Amino acid sequence: MLDERSKLLLKALVERYIADGHPVGSRTLSKASGLELSPATIRNVMSDLEELGLIVSPHTSAGRVPTARGYRLFVDTMLTVQPQRFASHSLAPDQPQKVISNAAQLLSNLSQFVGVVIAPRRTSAFRHMEFLRLSERRVLVIIVSPDGDVQNRVIFTEVDHSQSQLVEAANFLNSHYVGLDIEQVRERLQIEVESLRSEIASLMAAAVAVNSDAMAETQDEVVIAGERNLLKLSDFSSDMGNLRRAFELFEQKAQIMRLLDIAGQAEGVRIFIGGESQVVPFEDLSIVSAPYEVDGKLVGTLGVIGPTRMAYDRMIQIVDITSKLVSNALSHHK
């Protein structure tokens, strides 16, 4: 455990490094901490903090910078969040995709880093389904989702169906399964298949499968804004390797989805600091994230991705207020 003096010096060092990006020396730390300590005492404390893995001396510099472990201790036990005003920002109720896009841009603009939003998970239920015979054993499946989205898919059947048979199958699905999740429909079809003519049952099973695939293609869309902001940061502009790895991460949206999915498993703002675990793939990036909800139900996650040297107190507020704005805009969209 750190004593109070060591905590105060570590807090002052992290805040100073976040503010100007330069390794912090003992003289600077003495002024920043406000403690009347001799340079020798401060050097001894810094040596102890270094042995604990909380700070490190980069290259041959006489100053120190925080490690991932140091940032984590700072964030968990020393960070104080001062109220700031973001009331002038808003997200108007609109189509979900537009709200999500605007939210990613808002996160980027406020943070000057990268804004990321995972779009709400779509239900795999359907409101209406139709079959249209295209040619022998080729059928167009028209799927209307509860929110009005239309998906068209072509399936190939084992036998040729007349249009009247297709209408019969569609009527059965629309009468018995509307509003159910596709997995529920699949389970019920397996149970009820004995009561259906085999050719109609196979057609319905194919339609359910293609509906499931169609919904999977639109699940978990990741919207990213502000990647170019990283070009302005000395943390990345001076190291093209870091910059390249960051942009590779943004291209691999599935990886970002996994990161934010972890964040979405808990309520409130969460902070992931690069280098402290396998959650964030490399040391120089941190993620501040929070889930958002629609009508009281958690449906997605958003956040800010930036350098580990970020103003965490400000990022917490930006992410928190944006999650509330998104929740409000989506809940009030009709």
Protein backbone atom coordinates (compact mmCIF):
# COMPACT_ATOMS: atom_id res chain seq x y z
CA MET A 1 0.00 0.00 0.00
CA LEU A 2 1.16 3.53 -0.75
CA ASP A 3 1.35 6.10 1.99
CA GLU A 4 -0.39 9.44 1.53
CA ARG A 5 2.77 11.21 0.43
CA SER A 6 3.44 8.66 -2.30
CA LYS A 7 -0.18 8.85 -3.47
CA LEU A 8 -0.04 12.64 -3.69
CA LEU A 9 3.20 12.56 -5.67
CA LEU A 10 1.89 9.88 -8.04
CA LYS A 11 -1.34 11.84 -8.57
CA ALA A 12 0.62 15.03 -9.27
CA LEU A 13 2.94 13.18 -11.67
CA VAL A 14 0.07 11.62 -13.65
CA GLU A 15 -1.85 14.90 -13.87
CA ARG A 16 1.26 16.81 -14.97
CA TYR A 17 2.13 14.20 -17.60
CA ILE A 18 -1.44 14.17 -18.94
CA ALA A 19 -1.37 17.96 -19.16
CA ASP A 20 1.87 18.47 -21.10
CA GLY A 21 3.11 15.08 -22.27
CA HIS A 22 6.67 15.50 -20.99
CA PRO A 23 8.42 13.17 -18.51
CA VAL A 24 8.11 14.67 -15.04
CA GLY A 25 11.30 15.42 -13.09
CA SER A 26 11.67 15.81 -9.34
CA ARG A 27 11.81 19.61 -9.48
CA THR A 28 8.63 19.82 -11.56
CA LEU A 29 6.94 17.29 -9.31
CA SER A 30 7.87 19.29 -6.19
CA LYS A 31 6.09 22.35 -7.61
CA ALA A 32 3.12 20.41 -8.96
CA SER A 33 2.47 18.52 -5.73
CA GLY A 34 2.66 21.55 -3.46
CA LEU A 35 4.55 19.48 -0.90
CA GLU A 36 7.53 20.99 0.83
CA LEU A 37 9.89 18.10 0.27
CA SER A 38 13.55 18.05 -0.55
CA PRO A 39 14.61 16.94 -4.06
CA ALA A 40 16.31 13.93 -2.46
CA THR A 41 13.07 12.86 -0.75
CA ILE A 42 11.10 13.19 -3.97
CA ARG A 43 13.70 11.18 -5.86
CA ASN A 44 13.47 8.45 -3.23
CA VAL A 45 9.69 8.32 -3.50
CA MET A 46 9.90 8.23 -7.31
CA SER A 47 12.37 5.37 -7.04
CA ASP A 48 9.92 3.48 -4.82
CA LEU A 49 7.06 4.13 -7.29
CA GLU A 50 9.25 2.87 -10.10
CA GLU A 51 10.06 -0.33 -8.20
CA LEU A 52 6.32 -0.87 -7.78
CA GLY A 53 5.85 -0.60 -11.54
CA LEU A 54 3.71 2.55 -11.30
CA ILE A 55 6.06 4.87 -13.19
CA VAL A 56 8.97 4.38 -15.55
CA SER A 57 11.84 6.43 -16.91
CA PRO A 58 11.67 6.57 -20.72
CA HIS A 59 15.00 6.19 -22.48
CA THR A 60 17.68 8.32 -20.79
CA SER A 61 15.29 10.98 -19.49
CA ALA A 62 15.66 12.07 -15.87
CA GLY A 63 11.88 12.37 -15.67
CA ARG A 64 9.22 9.67 -15.19
CA VAL A 65 5.95 8.79 -16.94
CA PRO A 66 3.04 6.64 -15.69
CA THR A 67 2.78 2.98 -16.63
CA ALA A 68 -0.53 1.25 -17.35
CA ARG A 69 -0.52 0.12 -13.72
CA GLY A 70 0.08 3.69 -12.59
CA TYR A 71 -2.77 4.99 -14.72
CA ARG A 72 -5.05 2.29 -13.33
CA LEU A 73 -4.27 3.21 -9.71
CA PHE A 74 -4.81 6.89 -10.57
CA VAL A 75 -8.15 6.22 -12.30
CA ASP A 76 -9.46 3.89 -9.59
CA THR A 77 -8.42 5.76 -6.45
CA MET A 78 -7.27 9.31 -7.20
CA LEU A 79 -9.37 10.63 -10.06
CA THR A 80 -11.76 13.44 -9.18
CA VAL A 81 -14.38 14.42 -11.74
CA GLN A 82 -15.32 18.09 -11.66
CA PRO A 83 -18.74 18.99 -13.09
CA GLN A 84 -18.50 20.45 -16.58
CA ARG A 85 -21.19 21.86 -18.79
CA PHE A 86 -22.19 19.90 -21.88
CA ALA A 87 -25.82 21.01 -21.75
CA SER A 88 -25.52 22.85 -25.08
CA HIS A 89 -25.11 19.53 -26.89
CA SER A 90 -28.07 17.39 -27.85
CA LEU A 91 -29.16 14.54 -30.09
CA ALA A 92 -32.60 14.91 -31.61
CA PRO A 93 -34.88 11.87 -31.84
CA ASP A 94 -34.45 10.46 -35.35
CA GLN A 95 -33.92 7.23 -37.26
CA PRO A 96 -31.69 4.99 -35.12
CA GLN A 97 -28.89 4.92 -37.70
CA LYS A 98 -28.76 8.72 -37.82
CA VAL A 99 -28.75 9.00 -34.02
CA ILE A 100 -25.85 6.52 -33.84
CA SER A 101 -23.88 8.35 -36.54
CA ASN A 102 -24.43 11.72 -34.87
CA ALA A 103 -23.43 10.27 -31.49
CA ALA A 104 -20.12 8.96 -32.85
CA GLN A 105 -19.38 12.38 -34.32
CA LEU A 106 -20.35 14.12 -31.07
CA LEU A 107 -18.02 11.88 -29.08
CA SER A 108 -15.20 12.65 -31.48
CA ASN A 109 -15.84 16.40 -31.52
CA LEU A 110 -16.02 16.70 -27.73
CA SER A 111 -13.04 14.47 -26.99
CA GLN A 112 -10.90 15.31 -30.04
CA PHE A 113 -10.18 11.59 -30.15
CA VAL A 114 -12.06 8.72 -31.80
CA GLY A 115 -15.78 8.22 -31.16
CA VAL A 116 -17.18 4.69 -31.45
CA VAL A 117 -20.76 3.46 -31.17
CA ILE A 118 -22.14 -0.05 -31.56
CA ALA A 119 -25.58 0.24 -33.11
CA PRO A 120 -28.52 -1.31 -31.22
CA ARG A 121 -28.93 -5.02 -31.70
CA ARG A 122 -31.79 -5.64 -34.06
CA THR A 123 -34.51 -8.08 -33.19
CA SER A 124 -34.62 -11.21 -35.33
CA ALA A 125 -38.40 -11.23 -35.18
CA PHE A 126 -40.40 -10.39 -38.29
CA ARG A 127 -43.61 -8.47 -38.86
CA HIS A 128 -44.44 -9.93 -42.23
CA MET A 129 -43.02 -12.46 -44.69
CA GLU A 130 -43.83 -13.19 -48.32
CA PHE A 131 -42.63 -15.73 -50.89
CA LEU A 132 -42.44 -15.00 -54.61
CA ARG A 133 -41.68 -17.71 -57.17
CA LEU A 134 -38.87 -16.55 -59.47
CA SER A 135 -38.27 -19.73 -61.45
CA GLU A 136 -38.09 -23.46 -60.88
CA ARG A 137 -36.83 -24.01 -57.30
CA ARG A 138 -35.85 -20.32 -56.92
CA VAL A 139 -37.93 -18.31 -54.43
CA LEU A 140 -37.63 -14.69 -53.34
CA VAL A 141 -38.20 -14.27 -49.60
CA ILE A 142 -39.37 -10.79 -48.55
CA ILE A 143 -38.90 -10.15 -44.81
CA VAL A 144 -40.32 -7.08 -43.07
CA SER A 145 -38.88 -6.40 -39.60
CA PRO A 146 -40.92 -4.94 -36.72
CA ASP A 147 -39.36 -1.51 -37.33
CA GLY A 148 -40.19 -1.58 -41.05
CA ASP A 149 -36.85 -2.62 -42.55
CA VAL A 150 -37.23 -4.84 -45.62
CA GLN A 151 -34.81 -7.64 -46.46
CA ASN A 152 -34.95 -9.55 -49.74
CA ARG A 153 -33.26 -12.93 -50.06
CA VAL A 154 -33.29 -15.64 -52.74
CA ILE A 155 -33.46 -19.26 -51.61
CA PHE A 156 -33.13 -22.46 -53.60
CA THR A 157 -35.64 -25.16 -52.70
CA GLU A 158 -35.37 -28.93 -53.07
CA VAL A 159 -38.62 -29.10 -55.03
CA ASP A 160 -40.50 -26.68 -57.24
CA HIS A 161 -43.36 -24.82 -55.52
CA SER A 162 -46.38 -23.22 -57.14
CA GLN A 163 -47.24 -19.67 -56.19
CA SER A 164 -50.33 -20.91 -54.35
CA GLN A 165 -48.15 -23.15 -52.20
CA LEU A 166 -45.88 -20.22 -51.44
CA VAL A 167 -48.86 -18.10 -50.41
CA GLU A 168 -50.09 -20.93 -48.17
CA ALA A 169 -46.68 -21.16 -46.45
CA ALA A 170 -46.42 -17.38 -46.00
CA ASN A 171 -49.94 -17.19 -44.57
CA PHE A 172 -49.11 -19.93 -42.05
CA LEU A 173 -45.92 -18.14 -40.91
CA ASN A 174 -47.66 -14.77 -40.69
CA SER A 175 -50.58 -16.22 -38.75
CA HIS A 176 -48.63 -18.26 -36.23
CA TYR A 177 -45.15 -16.80 -35.79
CA VAL A 178 -45.25 -13.00 -36.21
CA GLY A 179 -43.40 -11.25 -33.39
CA LEU A 180 -41.50 -14.34 -32.28
CA ASP A 181 -37.71 -14.48 -32.31
CA ILE A 182 -36.38 -16.49 -35.23
CA GLU A 183 -34.87 -19.07 -32.88
CA GLN A 184 -38.31 -19.53 -31.30
CA VAL A 185 -39.83 -19.97 -34.76
CA ARG A 186 -37.16 -22.54 -35.62
CA GLU A 187 -37.85 -24.53 -32.44
CA ARG A 188 -41.61 -24.49 -32.95
CA LEU A 189 -41.29 -25.55 -36.57
CA GLN A 190 -39.23 -28.55 -35.54
CA ILE A 191 -41.98 -29.55 -33.12
CA GLU A 192 -44.85 -28.90 -35.51
CA VAL A 193 -43.21 -30.26 -38.65
CA GLU A 194 -45.16 -33.51 -38.39
CA SER A 195 -48.44 -31.64 -38.84
CA LEU A 196 -47.24 -29.82 -41.95
CA ARG A 197 -46.79 -31.20 -45.41
CA SER A 198 -43.09 -32.02 -45.78
CA GLU A 199 -42.50 -29.77 -48.78
CA ILE A 200 -44.10 -26.78 -47.03
CA ALA A 201 -42.15 -27.50 -43.84
CA SER A 202 -38.84 -27.54 -45.72
CA LEU A 203 -39.73 -24.25 -47.41
CA MET A 204 -40.49 -22.64 -44.05
CA ALA A 205 -37.27 -23.97 -42.55
CA ALA A 206 -35.31 -22.47 -45.44
CA ALA A 207 -37.09 -19.13 -44.98
CA VAL A 208 -36.31 -19.10 -41.26
CA ALA A 209 -32.66 -19.86 -41.98
CA VAL A 210 -32.34 -17.07 -44.53
CA ASN A 211 -34.14 -14.66 -42.18
CA SER A 212 -31.63 -15.50 -39.46
CA ASP A 213 -28.73 -14.91 -41.87
CA ALA A 214 -30.20 -11.60 -43.03
CA MET A 215 -30.48 -10.33 -39.48
CA ALA A 216 -26.96 -11.50 -38.64
CA GLU A 217 -25.58 -9.41 -41.49
CA THR A 218 -27.03 -6.25 -39.94
CA GLN A 219 -26.15 -7.01 -36.31
CA ASP A 220 -23.71 -4.98 -34.26
CA GLU A 221 -22.76 -2.37 -36.81
CA VAL A 222 -19.86 -0.28 -35.53
CA VAL A 223 -19.85 3.43 -36.35
CA ILE A 224 -16.47 5.16 -35.96
CA ALA A 225 -15.74 8.88 -36.24
CA GLY A 226 -12.59 10.96 -35.87
CA GLU A 227 -9.81 8.49 -36.67
CA ARG A 228 -7.82 11.32 -38.23
CA ASN A 229 -7.71 13.07 -34.86
CA LEU A 230 -4.93 10.67 -33.92
CA LEU A 231 -2.73 12.26 -36.59
CA LYS A 232 -2.67 15.45 -34.51
CA LEU A 233 -1.42 13.73 -31.36
CA SER A 234 2.27 13.67 -30.56
CA ASP A 235 1.69 10.32 -28.84
CA PHE A 236 1.09 8.80 -32.29
CA SER A 237 2.49 11.21 -34.88
CA SER A 238 6.02 10.61 -33.59
CA ASP A 239 5.66 6.83 -33.87
CA MET A 240 4.30 5.56 -37.16
CA GLY A 241 4.21 2.01 -35.78
CA ASN A 242 1.74 3.07 -33.08
CA LEU A 243 -0.34 4.97 -35.61
CA ARG A 244 -0.43 2.03 -37.99
CA ARG A 245 -1.54 -0.35 -35.24
CA ALA A 246 -4.27 2.07 -34.18
CA PHE A 247 -5.68 2.33 -37.70
CA GLU A 248 -5.50 -1.43 -38.10
CA LEU A 249 -7.65 -1.71 -34.97
CA PHE A 250 -10.27 0.61 -36.44
CA GLU A 251 -10.33 -1.44 -39.64
CA GLN A 252 -10.94 -4.59 -37.60
CA LYS A 253 -14.37 -3.56 -36.39
CA ALA A 254 -15.04 -7.01 -34.97
CA GLN A 255 -12.24 -6.45 -32.47
CA ILE A 256 -13.70 -3.10 -31.39
CA MET A 257 -17.08 -4.79 -31.00
CA ARG A 258 -15.52 -7.35 -28.66
CA LEU A 259 -13.92 -4.58 -26.60
CA LEU A 260 -17.14 -2.63 -26.26
CA ASP A 261 -19.20 -5.78 -25.68
CA ILE A 262 -17.13 -6.34 -22.54
CA ALA A 263 -17.89 -2.77 -21.50
CA GLY A 264 -21.61 -3.27 -22.17
CA GLN A 265 -21.84 -6.08 -19.65
CA ALA A 266 -21.89 -3.59 -16.77
CA GLU A 267 -23.76 -0.36 -16.13
CA GLY A 268 -21.97 2.97 -15.97
CA VAL A 269 -18.71 4.24 -17.39
CA ARG A 270 -15.79 1.83 -17.63
CA ILE A 271 -12.15 2.54 -18.45
CA PHE A 272 -9.80 0.12 -20.20
CA ILE A 273 -6.13 1.10 -20.19
CA GLY A 274 -3.83 -0.32 -22.84
CA GLY A 275 -1.10 -2.63 -21.67
CA GLU A 276 -2.76 -3.74 -18.43
CA SER A 277 -4.59 -6.72 -19.90
CA GLN A 278 -5.58 -8.40 -23.14
CA VAL A 279 -8.74 -6.31 -23.33
CA VAL A 280 -6.99 -3.45 -25.14
CA PRO A 281 -4.57 -4.82 -27.75
CA PHE A 282 -1.61 -2.53 -27.20
CA GLU A 283 -0.16 -0.17 -24.65
CA ASP A 284 -0.76 3.24 -26.18
CA LEU A 285 -4.57 3.21 -26.39
CA SER A 286 -7.23 3.56 -23.71
CA ILE A 287 -10.98 3.22 -24.02
CA VAL A 288 -13.60 5.03 -21.97
CA SER A 289 -16.99 3.44 -22.59
CA ALA A 290 -20.56 3.17 -21.37
CA PRO A 291 -23.69 1.27 -22.39
CA TYR A 292 -26.82 3.04 -23.58
CA GLU A 293 -30.42 1.93 -23.42
CA VAL A 294 -33.77 2.18 -25.16
CA ASP A 295 -36.86 2.30 -22.96
CA GLY A 296 -34.85 1.07 -19.99
CA LYS A 297 -33.19 -1.87 -21.77
CA LEU A 298 -29.44 -1.91 -22.50
CA VAL A 299 -29.06 -2.26 -26.28
CA GLY A 300 -25.59 -1.01 -27.22
CA THR A 301 -22.30 0.53 -26.16
CA LEU A 302 -20.41 3.70 -27.05
CA GLY A 303 -17.08 5.19 -26.11
CA VAL A 304 -13.99 7.21 -26.80
CA ILE A 305 -10.71 5.65 -27.96
CA GLY A 306 -7.59 7.74 -27.45
CA PRO A 307 -4.07 7.70 -26.07
CA THR A 308 -3.40 6.45 -22.55
CA ARG A 309 -2.34 10.05 -21.86
CA MET A 310 -5.87 11.44 -21.87
CA ALA A 311 -7.85 13.61 -19.48
CA TYR A 312 -9.86 10.74 -18.01
CA ASP A 313 -12.08 12.99 -15.90
CA ARG A 314 -13.26 14.86 -18.99
CA MET A 315 -13.64 11.68 -21.07
CA ILE A 316 -15.80 10.11 -18.34
CA GLN A 317 -18.20 13.04 -18.50
CA ILE A 318 -18.26 13.12 -22.31
CA VAL A 319 -19.06 9.41 -22.55
CA ASP A 320 -21.59 9.52 -19.72
CA ILE A 321 -23.56 12.47 -21.13
CA THR A 322 -23.48 11.06 -24.67
CA SER A 323 -24.85 7.71 -23.50
CA LYS A 324 -27.73 9.57 -21.84
CA LEU A 325 -28.35 11.67 -24.97
CA VAL A 326 -28.42 8.54 -27.17
CA SER A 327 -30.74 6.73 -24.75
CA ASN A 328 -33.12 9.68 -24.74
CA ALA A 329 -33.07 10.17 -28.53
CA LEU A 330 -33.69 6.49 -29.30
CA SER A 331 -36.35 6.07 -26.61
CA HIS A 332 -38.33 9.04 -27.92
CA HIS A 333 -38.09 8.14 -31.62
CA LYS A 334 -41.37 6.86 -32.98
